PDB file of N, CA and C in Angstrom:
ATOM      1  N   MET A   1     -48.360  24.366  -9.792  1.00  0.00           N
ATOM      2  CA  MET A   1     -47.057  24.443 -10.413  1.00  0.00           C
ATOM      3  C   MET A   1     -46.066  23.610  -9.591  1.00  0.00           C
ATOM      4  N   THR A   2     -45.213  22.864 -10.266  1.00  0.00           N
ATOM      5  CA  THR A   2     -44.238  22.006  -9.628  1.00  0.00           C
ATOM      6  C   THR A   2     -43.023  22.820  -9.200  1.00  0.00           C
ATOM      7  N   VAL A   3     -42.549  22.554  -7.983  1.00  0.00           N
ATOM      8  CA  VAL A   3     -41.347  23.216  -7.481  1.00  0.00           C
ATOM      9  C   VAL A   3     -40.143  22.665  -8.234  1.00  0.00           C
ATOM     10  N   ARG A   4     -39.237  23.539  -8.610  1.00  0.00           N
ATOM     11  CA  ARG A   4     -38.005  23.127  -9.281  1.00  0.00           C
ATOM     12  C   ARG A   4     -36.837  23.468  -8.362  1.00  0.00           C
ATOM     13  N   TYR A   5     -36.155  22.454  -7.869  1.00  0.00           N
ATOM     14  CA  TYR A   5     -35.047  22.667  -6.943  1.00  0.00           C
ATOM     15  C   TYR A   5     -33.778  22.990  -7.711  1.00  0.00           C
ATOM     16  N   ARG A   6     -33.096  24.030  -7.254  1.00  0.00           N
ATOM     17  CA  ARG A   6     -31.866  24.464  -7.914  1.00  0.00           C
ATOM     18  C   ARG A   6     -30.617  24.066  -7.145  1.00  0.00           C
ATOM     19  N   THR A   7     -30.767  23.803  -5.846  1.00  0.00           N
ATOM     20  CA  THR A   7     -29.614  23.426  -5.038  1.00  0.00           C
ATOM     21  C   THR A   7     -29.940  22.149  -4.268  1.00  0.00           C
ATOM     22  N   PHE A   8     -28.900  21.394  -3.941  1.00  0.00           N
ATOM     23  CA  PHE A   8     -29.098  20.188  -3.162  1.00  0.00           C
ATOM     24  C   PHE A   8     -29.598  20.528  -1.765  1.00  0.00           C
ATOM     25  N   ARG A   9     -29.135  21.632  -1.241  1.00  0.00           N
ATOM     26  CA  ARG A   9     -29.583  22.069   0.093  1.00  0.00           C
ATOM     27  C   ARG A   9     -31.098  22.243   0.132  1.00  0.00           C
ATOM     28  N   ASP A  10     -31.664  22.798  -0.914  1.00  0.00           N
ATOM     29  CA  ASP A  10     -33.118  22.960  -0.989  1.00  0.00           C
ATOM     30  C   ASP A  10     -33.813  21.633  -1.275  1.00  0.00           C
ATOM     31  N   PHE A  11     -33.157  20.781  -2.037  1.00  0.00           N
ATOM     32  CA  PHE A  11     -33.746  19.512  -2.454  1.00  0.00           C
ATOM     33  C   PHE A  11     -33.816  18.492  -1.325  1.00  0.00           C
ATOM     34  N   TYR A  12     -32.816  18.450  -0.443  1.00  0.00           N
ATOM     35  CA  TYR A  12     -32.705  17.363   0.532  1.00  0.00           C
ATOM     36  C   TYR A  12     -33.924  17.228   1.460  1.00  0.00           C
ATOM     37  N   PRO A  13     -34.509  18.313   1.954  1.00  0.00           N
ATOM     38  CA  PRO A  13     -35.738  18.128   2.757  1.00  0.00           C
ATOM     39  C   PRO A  13     -36.853  17.449   1.952  1.00  0.00           C
ATOM     40  N   PHE A  14     -36.960  17.791   0.672  1.00  0.00           N
ATOM     41  CA  PHE A  14     -37.936  17.109  -0.187  1.00  0.00           C
ATOM     42  C   PHE A  14     -37.584  15.637  -0.309  1.00  0.00           C
ATOM     43  N   TYR A  15     -36.308  15.338  -0.506  1.00  0.00           N
ATOM     44  CA  TYR A  15     -35.849  13.953  -0.605  1.00  0.00           C
ATOM     45  C   TYR A  15     -36.269  13.168   0.632  1.00  0.00           C
ATOM     46  N   LEU A  16     -36.016  13.738   1.807  1.00  0.00           N
ATOM     47  CA  LEU A  16     -36.381  13.055   3.051  1.00  0.00           C
ATOM     48  C   LEU A  16     -37.889  12.855   3.165  1.00  0.00           C
ATOM     49  N   SER A  17     -38.671  13.815   2.674  1.00  0.00           N
ATOM     50  CA  SER A  17     -40.134  13.678   2.734  1.00  0.00           C
ATOM     51  C   SER A  17     -40.632  12.558   1.826  1.00  0.00           C
ATOM     52  N   GLU A  18     -39.844  12.178   0.848  1.00  0.00           N
ATOM     53  CA  GLU A  18     -40.187  11.088  -0.054  1.00  0.00           C
ATOM     54  C   GLU A  18     -39.694   9.740   0.467  1.00  0.00           C
ATOM     55  N   HIS A  19     -39.063   9.745   1.636  1.00  0.00           N
ATOM     56  CA  HIS A  19     -38.484   8.540   2.227  1.00  0.00           C
ATOM     57  C   HIS A  19     -38.871   8.421   3.698  1.00  0.00           C
ATOM     58  N   VAL A  20     -40.145   8.513   3.983  1.00  0.00           N
ATOM     59  CA  VAL A  20     -40.605   8.458   5.372  1.00  0.00           C
ATOM     60  C   VAL A  20     -40.843   7.023   5.841  1.00  0.00           C
ATOM     61  N   ASN A  21     -41.083   6.108   4.936  1.00  0.00           N
ATOM     62  CA  ASN A  21     -41.333   4.721   5.304  1.00  0.00           C
ATOM     63  C   ASN A  21     -40.025   4.057   5.709  1.00  0.00           C
ATOM     64  N   VAL A  22     -40.019   3.451   6.897  1.00  0.00           N
ATOM     65  CA  VAL A  22     -38.785   2.875   7.434  1.00  0.00           C
ATOM     66  C   VAL A  22     -38.253   1.739   6.562  1.00  0.00           C
ATOM     67  N   VAL A  23     -39.128   0.929   5.987  1.00  0.00           N
ATOM     68  CA  VAL A  23     -38.672  -0.172   5.126  1.00  0.00           C
ATOM     69  C   VAL A  23     -38.017   0.391   3.873  1.00  0.00           C
ATOM     70  N   SER A  24     -38.609   1.421   3.308  1.00  0.00           N
ATOM     71  CA  SER A  24     -38.043   2.048   2.118  1.00  0.00           C
ATOM     72  C   SER A  24     -36.663   2.627   2.410  1.00  0.00           C
ATOM     73  N   ARG A  25     -36.527   3.336   3.537  1.00  0.00           N
ATOM     74  CA  ARG A  25     -35.217   3.890   3.903  1.00  0.00           C
ATOM     75  C   ARG A  25     -34.196   2.784   4.101  1.00  0.00           C
ATOM     76  N   ARG A  26     -34.610   1.711   4.737  1.00  0.00           N
ATOM     77  CA  ARG A  26     -33.682   0.596   4.956  1.00  0.00           C
ATOM     78  C   ARG A  26     -33.257  -0.031   3.633  1.00  0.00           C
ATOM     79  N   LEU A  27     -34.197  -0.169   2.710  1.00  0.00           N
ATOM     80  CA  LEU A  27     -33.852  -0.714   1.391  1.00  0.00           C
ATOM     81  C   LEU A  27     -32.856   0.203   0.681  1.00  0.00           C
ATOM     82  N   HIS A  28     -33.057   1.512   0.799  1.00  0.00           N
ATOM     83  CA  HIS A  28     -32.117   2.464   0.197  1.00  0.00           C
ATOM     84  C   HIS A  28     -30.726   2.299   0.801  1.00  0.00           C
ATOM     85  N   VAL A  29     -30.662   2.198   2.113  1.00  0.00           N
ATOM     86  CA  VAL A  29     -29.370   2.077   2.792  1.00  0.00           C
ATOM     87  C   VAL A  29     -28.695   0.755   2.435  1.00  0.00           C
ATOM     88  N   ILE A  30     -29.451  -0.320   2.395  1.00  0.00           N
ATOM     89  CA  ILE A  30     -28.886  -1.627   2.021  1.00  0.00           C
ATOM     90  C   ILE A  30     -28.366  -1.583   0.588  1.00  0.00           C
ATOM     91  N   GLY A  31     -29.173  -1.061  -0.327  1.00  0.00           N
ATOM     92  CA  GLY A  31     -28.758  -0.970  -1.728  1.00  0.00           C
ATOM     93  C   GLY A  31     -27.514  -0.119  -1.899  1.00  0.00           C
ATOM     94  N   THR A  32     -27.470   1.028  -1.227  1.00  0.00           N
ATOM     95  CA  THR A  32     -26.303   1.904  -1.326  1.00  0.00           C
ATOM     96  C   THR A  32     -25.079   1.246  -0.702  1.00  0.00           C
ATOM     97  N   SER A  33     -25.273   0.498   0.376  1.00  0.00           N
ATOM     98  CA  SER A  33     -24.147  -0.220   0.991  1.00  0.00           C
ATOM     99  C   SER A  33     -23.562  -1.243   0.026  1.00  0.00           C
ATOM    100  N   ILE A  34     -24.423  -1.962  -0.670  1.00  0.00           N
ATOM    101  CA  ILE A  34     -23.940  -2.939  -1.651  1.00  0.00           C
ATOM    102  C   ILE A  34     -23.240  -2.238  -2.805  1.00  0.00           C
ATOM    103  N   VAL A  35     -23.752  -1.083  -3.213  1.00  0.00           N
ATOM    104  CA  VAL A  35     -23.105  -0.294  -4.264  1.00  0.00           C
ATOM    105  C   VAL A  35     -21.693   0.100  -3.830  1.00  0.00           C
ATOM    106  N   VAL A  36     -21.554   0.570  -2.605  1.00  0.00           N
ATOM    107  CA  VAL A  36     -20.232   0.956  -2.094  1.00  0.00           C
ATOM    108  C   VAL A  36     -19.298  -0.257  -2.074  1.00  0.00           C
ATOM    109  N   LEU A  37     -19.812  -1.399  -1.631  1.00  0.00           N
ATOM    110  CA  LEU A  37     -18.999  -2.621  -1.630  1.00  0.00           C
ATOM    111  C   LEU A  37     -18.581  -3.011  -3.045  1.00  0.00           C
ATOM    112  N   CYS A  38     -19.490  -2.873  -4.000  1.00  0.00           N
ATOM    113  CA  CYS A  38     -19.145  -3.180  -5.401  1.00  0.00           C
ATOM    114  C   CYS A  38     -18.064  -2.243  -5.925  1.00  0.00           C
ATOM    115  N   LEU A  39     -18.138  -0.980  -5.543  1.00  0.00           N
ATOM    116  CA  LEU A  39     -17.105  -0.030  -5.964  1.00  0.00           C
ATOM    117  C   LEU A  39     -15.741  -0.456  -5.427  1.00  0.00           C
ATOM    118  N   PHE A  40     -15.690  -0.753  -4.131  1.00  0.00           N
ATOM    119  CA  PHE A  40     -14.432  -1.194  -3.537  1.00  0.00           C
ATOM    120  C   PHE A  40     -13.961  -2.514  -4.137  1.00  0.00           C
ATOM    121  N   ALA A  41     -14.874  -3.450  -4.318  1.00  0.00           N
ATOM    122  CA  ALA A  41     -14.504  -4.762  -4.864  1.00  0.00           C
ATOM    123  C   ALA A  41     -13.981  -4.638  -6.289  1.00  0.00           C
ATOM    124  N   SER A  42     -14.579  -3.751  -7.085  1.00  0.00           N
ATOM    125  CA  SER A  42     -14.112  -3.596  -8.465  1.00  0.00           C
ATOM    126  C   SER A  42     -12.684  -3.088  -8.506  1.00  0.00           C
ATOM    127  N   VAL A  43     -12.329  -2.232  -7.558  1.00  0.00           N
ATOM    128  CA  VAL A  43     -10.957  -1.725  -7.484  1.00  0.00           C
ATOM    129  C   VAL A  43     -10.035  -2.797  -6.895  1.00  0.00           C
ATOM    130  N   TRP A  44     -10.459  -3.421  -5.809  1.00  0.00           N
ATOM    131  CA  TRP A  44      -9.640  -4.425  -5.128  1.00  0.00           C
ATOM    132  C   TRP A  44      -9.286  -5.588  -6.044  1.00  0.00           C
ATOM    133  N   PHE A  45     -10.316  -6.084  -6.769  1.00  0.00           N
ATOM    134  CA  PHE A  45     -10.110  -7.250  -7.633  1.00  0.00           C
ATOM    135  C   PHE A  45      -9.799  -6.869  -9.083  1.00  0.00           C
ATOM    136  N   LEU A  46      -9.717  -5.578  -9.341  1.00  0.00           N
ATOM    137  CA  LEU A  46      -9.485  -5.074 -10.696  1.00  0.00           C
ATOM    138  C   LEU A  46     -10.459  -5.705 -11.695  1.00  0.00           C
ATOM    139  N   ASP A  47     -11.698  -5.780 -11.285  1.00  0.00           N
ATOM    140  CA  ASP A  47     -12.751  -6.354 -12.135  1.00  0.00           C
ATOM    141  C   ASP A  47     -13.814  -5.283 -12.384  1.00  0.00           C
ATOM    142  N   TRP A  48     -13.652  -4.596 -13.477  1.00  0.00           N
ATOM    143  CA  TRP A  48     -14.526  -3.465 -13.790  1.00  0.00           C
ATOM    144  C   TRP A  48     -15.931  -3.911 -14.174  1.00  0.00           C
ATOM    145  N   ARG A  49     -16.134  -5.218 -14.385  1.00  0.00           N
ATOM    146  CA  ARG A  49     -17.482  -5.716 -14.694  1.00  0.00           C
ATOM    147  C   ARG A  49     -18.427  -5.520 -13.516  1.00  0.00           C
ATOM    148  N   LEU A  50     -17.867  -5.491 -12.316  1.00  0.00           N
ATOM    149  CA  LEU A  50     -18.697  -5.254 -11.134  1.00  0.00           C
ATOM    150  C   LEU A  50     -19.410  -3.900 -11.201  1.00  0.00           C
ATOM    151  N   LEU A  51     -18.791  -2.950 -11.894  1.00  0.00           N
ATOM    152  CA  LEU A  51     -19.397  -1.630 -12.031  1.00  0.00           C
ATOM    153  C   LEU A  51     -20.705  -1.687 -12.822  1.00  0.00           C
ATOM    154  N   LEU A  52     -20.828  -2.670 -13.684  1.00  0.00           N
ATOM    155  CA  LEU A  52     -22.057  -2.803 -14.473  1.00  0.00           C
ATOM    156  C   LEU A  52     -23.261  -3.153 -13.605  1.00  0.00           C
ATOM    157  N   ALA A  53     -23.021  -3.798 -12.489  1.00  0.00           N
ATOM    158  CA  ALA A  53     -24.106  -4.208 -11.595  1.00  0.00           C
ATOM    159  C   ALA A  53     -24.617  -3.053 -10.736  1.00  0.00           C
ATOM    160  N   ILE A  54     -23.828  -2.029 -10.570  1.00  0.00           N
ATOM    161  CA  ILE A  54     -24.157  -0.953  -9.634  1.00  0.00           C
ATOM    162  C   ILE A  54     -25.514  -0.302  -9.901  1.00  0.00           C
ATOM    163  N   PRO A  55     -25.834   0.115 -11.119  1.00  0.00           N
ATOM    164  CA  PRO A  55     -27.149   0.747 -11.311  1.00  0.00           C
ATOM    165  C   PRO A  55     -28.319  -0.194 -10.992  1.00  0.00           C
ATOM    166  N   PHE A  56     -28.161  -1.455 -11.317  1.00  0.00           N
ATOM    167  CA  PHE A  56     -29.236  -2.411 -11.061  1.00  0.00           C
ATOM    168  C   PHE A  56     -29.425  -2.641  -9.569  1.00  0.00           C
ATOM    169  N   ILE A  57     -28.334  -2.712  -8.850  1.00  0.00           N
ATOM    170  CA  ILE A  57     -28.406  -2.913  -7.402  1.00  0.00           C
ATOM    171  C   ILE A  57     -28.981  -1.670  -6.721  1.00  0.00           C
ATOM    172  N   GLY A  58     -28.380  -0.533  -7.000  1.00  0.00           N
ATOM    173  CA  GLY A  58     -28.815   0.708  -6.359  1.00  0.00           C
ATOM    174  C   GLY A  58     -30.264   1.043  -6.658  1.00  0.00           C
ATOM    175  N   TYR A  59     -30.603   1.071  -7.943  1.00  0.00           N
ATOM    176  CA  TYR A  59     -31.976   1.399  -8.308  1.00  0.00           C
ATOM    177  C   TYR A  59     -32.949   0.296  -7.927  1.00  0.00           C
ATOM    178  N   GLY A  60     -32.501  -0.945  -7.999  1.00  0.00           N
ATOM    179  CA  GLY A  60     -33.381  -2.064  -7.659  1.00  0.00           C
ATOM    180  C   GLY A  60     -33.906  -1.971  -6.240  1.00  0.00           C
ATOM    181  N   PHE A  61     -33.017  -1.823  -5.281  1.00  0.00           N
ATOM    182  CA  PHE A  61     -33.438  -1.705  -3.885  1.00  0.00           C
ATOM    183  C   PHE A  61     -34.280  -0.443  -3.670  1.00  0.00           C
ATOM    184  N   ALA A  62     -33.829   0.669  -4.225  1.00  0.00           N
ATOM    185  CA  ALA A  62     -34.531   1.938  -4.018  1.00  0.00           C
ATOM    186  C   ALA A  62     -35.929   1.903  -4.624  1.00  0.00           C
ATOM    187  N   TRP A  63     -36.050   1.406  -5.831  1.00  0.00           N
ATOM    188  CA  TRP A  63     -37.354   1.427  -6.497  1.00  0.00           C
ATOM    189  C   TRP A  63     -38.343   0.463  -5.866  1.00  0.00           C
ATOM    190  N   VAL A  64     -37.868  -0.645  -5.337  1.00  0.00           N
ATOM    191  CA  VAL A  64     -38.771  -1.527  -4.580  1.00  0.00           C
ATOM    192  C   VAL A  64     -39.322  -0.752  -3.388  1.00  0.00           C
ATOM    193  N   GLY A  65     -38.459  -0.004  -2.721  1.00  0.00           N
ATOM    194  CA  GLY A  65     -38.912   0.812  -1.595  1.00  0.00           C
ATOM    195  C   GLY A  65     -39.951   1.836  -2.001  1.00  0.00           C
ATOM    196  N   HIS A  66     -39.744   2.489  -3.124  1.00  0.00           N
ATOM    197  CA  HIS A  66     -40.697   3.508  -3.571  1.00  0.00           C
ATOM    198  C   HIS A  66     -42.012   2.902  -4.038  1.00  0.00           C
ATOM    199  N   PHE A  67     -41.945   1.921  -4.908  1.00  0.00           N
ATOM    200  CA  PHE A  67     -43.160   1.398  -5.515  1.00  0.00           C
ATOM    201  C   PHE A  67     -44.014   0.578  -4.552  1.00  0.00           C
ATOM    202  N   PHE A  68     -43.387  -0.177  -3.642  1.00  0.00           N
ATOM    203  CA  PHE A  68     -44.149  -1.069  -2.772  1.00  0.00           C
ATOM    204  C   PHE A  68     -44.374  -0.531  -1.366  1.00  0.00           C
ATOM    205  N   PHE A  69     -43.527   0.364  -0.888  1.00  0.00           N
ATOM    206  CA  PHE A  69     -43.665   0.833   0.481  1.00  0.00           C
ATOM    207  C   PHE A  69     -44.008   2.314   0.569  1.00  0.00           C
ATOM    208  N   GLU A  70     -43.323   3.157  -0.174  1.00  0.00           N
ATOM    209  CA  GLU A  70     -43.632   4.587  -0.167  1.00  0.00           C
ATOM    210  C   GLU A  70     -44.872   4.895  -1.004  1.00  0.00           C
ATOM    211  N   LYS A  71     -45.070   4.090  -2.040  1.00  0.00           N
ATOM    212  CA  LYS A  71     -46.169   4.311  -2.991  1.00  0.00           C
ATOM    213  C   LYS A  71     -46.028   5.678  -3.673  1.00  0.00           C
ATOM    214  N   ASN A  72     -44.794   6.009  -4.050  1.00  0.00           N
ATOM    215  CA  ASN A  72     -44.552   7.258  -4.765  1.00  0.00           C
ATOM    216  C   ASN A  72     -43.561   7.012  -5.901  1.00  0.00           C
ATOM    217  N   ARG A  73     -43.383   8.023  -6.690  1.00  0.00           N
ATOM    218  CA  ARG A  73     -42.477   7.943  -7.841  1.00  0.00           C
ATOM    219  C   ARG A  73     -41.093   8.423  -7.418  1.00  0.00           C
ATOM    220  N   PRO A  74     -40.048   7.631  -7.685  1.00  0.00           N
ATOM    221  CA  PRO A  74     -38.701   8.045  -7.275  1.00  0.00           C
ATOM    222  C   PRO A  74     -38.315   9.406  -7.842  1.00  0.00           C
ATOM    223  N   ALA A  75     -37.646  10.204  -7.023  1.00  0.00           N
ATOM    224  CA  ALA A  75     -37.182  11.526  -7.445  1.00  0.00           C
ATOM    225  C   ALA A  75     -36.119  11.428  -8.536  1.00  0.00           C
ATOM    226  N   THR A  76     -35.580  10.241  -8.744  1.00  0.00           N
ATOM    227  CA  THR A  76     -34.561  10.019  -9.770  1.00  0.00           C
ATOM    228  C   THR A  76     -35.043  10.474 -11.142  1.00  0.00           C
ATOM    229  N   PHE A  77     -36.326  10.330 -11.398  1.00  0.00           N
ATOM    230  CA  PHE A  77     -36.865  10.684 -12.710  1.00  0.00           C
ATOM    231  C   PHE A  77     -36.841  12.188 -12.946  1.00  0.00           C
ATOM    232  N   ARG A  78     -36.979  12.979 -11.882  1.00  0.00           N
ATOM    233  CA  ARG A  78     -36.991  14.438 -12.024  1.00  0.00           C
ATOM    234  C   ARG A  78     -35.653  15.074 -11.678  1.00  0.00           C
ATOM    235  N   TYR A  79     -34.968  14.491 -10.716  1.00  0.00           N
ATOM    236  CA  TYR A  79     -33.711  15.056 -10.209  1.00  0.00           C
ATOM    237  C   TYR A  79     -32.665  13.964 -10.075  1.00  0.00           C
ATOM    238  N   PRO A  80     -32.144  13.443 -11.168  1.00  0.00           N
ATOM    239  CA  PRO A  80     -31.223  12.304 -11.070  1.00  0.00           C
ATOM    240  C   PRO A  80     -29.960  12.596 -10.254  1.00  0.00           C
ATOM    241  N   GLY A  81     -29.347  13.728 -10.456  1.00  0.00           N
ATOM    242  CA  GLY A  81     -28.123  14.055  -9.725  1.00  0.00           C
ATOM    243  C   GLY A  81     -28.379  14.288  -8.246  1.00  0.00           C
ATOM    244  N   PHE A  82     -29.362  15.122  -7.944  1.00  0.00           N
ATOM    245  CA  PHE A  82     -29.700  15.393  -6.549  1.00  0.00           C
ATOM    246  C   PHE A  82     -30.179  14.130  -5.842  1.00  0.00           C
ATOM    247  N   SER A  83     -30.903  13.298  -6.553  1.00  0.00           N
ATOM    248  CA  SER A  83     -31.398  12.054  -5.956  1.00  0.00           C
ATOM    249  C   SER A  83     -30.241  11.127  -5.582  1.00  0.00           C
ATOM    250  N   LEU A  84     -29.270  11.005  -6.464  1.00  0.00           N
ATOM    251  CA  LEU A  84     -28.096  10.185  -6.164  1.00  0.00           C
ATOM    252  C   LEU A  84     -27.334  10.751  -4.970  1.00  0.00           C
ATOM    253  N   MET A  85     -27.190  12.062  -4.944  1.00  0.00           N
ATOM    254  CA  MET A  85     -26.536  12.710  -3.805  1.00  0.00           C
ATOM    255  C   MET A  85     -27.328  12.447  -2.521  1.00  0.00           C
ATOM    256  N   GLY A  86     -28.657  12.488  -2.622  1.00  0.00           N
ATOM    257  CA  GLY A  86     -29.507  12.226  -1.465  1.00  0.00           C
ATOM    258  C   GLY A  86     -29.349  10.807  -0.958  1.00  0.00           C
ATOM    259  N   ASP A  87     -29.243   9.850  -1.881  1.00  0.00           N
ATOM    260  CA  ASP A  87     -29.038   8.457  -1.475  1.00  0.00           C
ATOM    261  C   ASP A  87     -27.760   8.306  -0.665  1.00  0.00           C
ATOM    262  N   PHE A  88     -26.690   8.932  -1.134  1.00  0.00           N
ATOM    263  CA  PHE A  88     -25.420   8.809  -0.426  1.00  0.00           C
ATOM    264  C   PHE A  88     -25.409   9.604   0.880  1.00  0.00           C
ATOM    265  N   ARG A  89     -26.096  10.719   0.907  1.00  0.00           N
ATOM    266  CA  ARG A  89     -26.171  11.470   2.169  1.00  0.00           C
ATOM    267  C   ARG A  89     -26.998  10.696   3.194  1.00  0.00           C
ATOM    268  N   LEU A  90     -28.138  10.142   2.773  1.00  0.00           N
ATOM    269  CA  LEU A  90     -28.949   9.322   3.671  1.00  0.00           C
ATOM    270  C   LEU A  90     -28.133   8.139   4.180  1.00  0.00           C
ATOM    271  N   TRP A  91     -27.378   7.507   3.285  1.00  0.00           N
ATOM    272  CA  TRP A  91     -26.528   6.380   3.660  1.00  0.00           C
ATOM    273  C   TRP A  91     -25.489   6.828   4.698  1.00  0.00           C
ATOM    274  N   TRP A  92     -24.825   7.953   4.429  1.00  0.00           N
ATOM    275  CA  TRP A  92     -23.790   8.449   5.342  1.00  0.00           C
ATOM    276  C   TRP A  92     -24.392   8.794   6.710  1.00  0.00           C
ATOM    277  N   GLU A  93     -25.531   9.472   6.704  1.00  0.00           N
ATOM    278  CA  GLU A  93     -26.169   9.833   7.969  1.00  0.00           C
ATOM    279  C   GLU A  93     -26.570   8.584   8.758  1.00  0.00           C
ATOM    280  N   THR A  94     -26.963   7.542   8.066  1.00  0.00           N
ATOM    281  CA  THR A  94     -27.322   6.289   8.731  1.00  0.00           C
ATOM    282  C   THR A  94     -26.076   5.592   9.263  1.00  0.00           C
ATOM    283  N   MET A  95     -25.023   5.539   8.472  1.00  0.00           N
ATOM    284  CA  MET A  95     -23.783   4.875   8.885  1.00  0.00           C
ATOM    285  C   MET A  95     -23.125   5.574  10.073  1.00  0.00           C
ATOM    286  N   THR A  96     -23.259   6.892  10.145  1.00  0.00           N
ATOM    287  CA  THR A  96     -22.634   7.641  11.241  1.00  0.00           C
ATOM    288  C   THR A  96     -23.554   7.770  12.450  1.00  0.00           C
ATOM    289  N   GLY A  97     -24.752   7.220  12.380  1.00  0.00           N
ATOM    290  CA  GLY A  97     -25.682   7.269  13.502  1.00  0.00           C
ATOM    291  C   GLY A  97     -26.492   8.542  13.612  1.00  0.00           C
ATOM    292  N   GLU A  98     -26.323   9.434  12.663  1.00  0.00           N
ATOM    293  CA  GLU A  98     -27.090  10.687  12.673  1.00  0.00           C
ATOM    294  C   GLU A  98     -28.575  10.438  12.393  1.00  0.00           C
ATOM    295  N   ARG A  99     -28.843   9.404  11.606  1.00  0.00           N
ATOM    296  CA  ARG A  99     -30.223   9.033  11.266  1.00  0.00           C
ATOM    297  C   ARG A  99     -30.421   7.559  11.627  1.00  0.00           C
ATOM    298  N   ARG A 100     -31.557   7.261  12.215  1.00  0.00           N
ATOM    299  CA  ARG A 100     -31.841   5.878  12.630  1.00  0.00           C
ATOM    300  C   ARG A 100     -32.018   4.970  11.427  1.00  0.00           C
ATOM    301  N   PHE A 101     -31.565   3.727  11.589  1.00  0.00           N
ATOM    302  CA  PHE A 101     -31.756   2.705  10.564  1.00  0.00           C
ATOM    303  C   PHE A 101     -33.126   2.102  10.805  1.00  0.00           C
TER     304      PHE A 101
END
């Protein structure tokens, strides 16, 4: 039987277990960093078209990490909200030095 996570607190350890490959984690952090830059740039330049690129950038980097390095299926398919939260938490932990890049 498949575990069904009800809270992000319960989900995050699973998220981390799906991101053990260092290249995959780095791709996630790079992709999320570009997403954050696109968010800021869309506001700074008042160009909302930049927002259209965000899903392709974020998922593109992450899915390359999963399919080619982790060799697993992204949690996005089962837990889209928690997975997005996990991406940003992993990014934040990396940016603040809590987690190694």
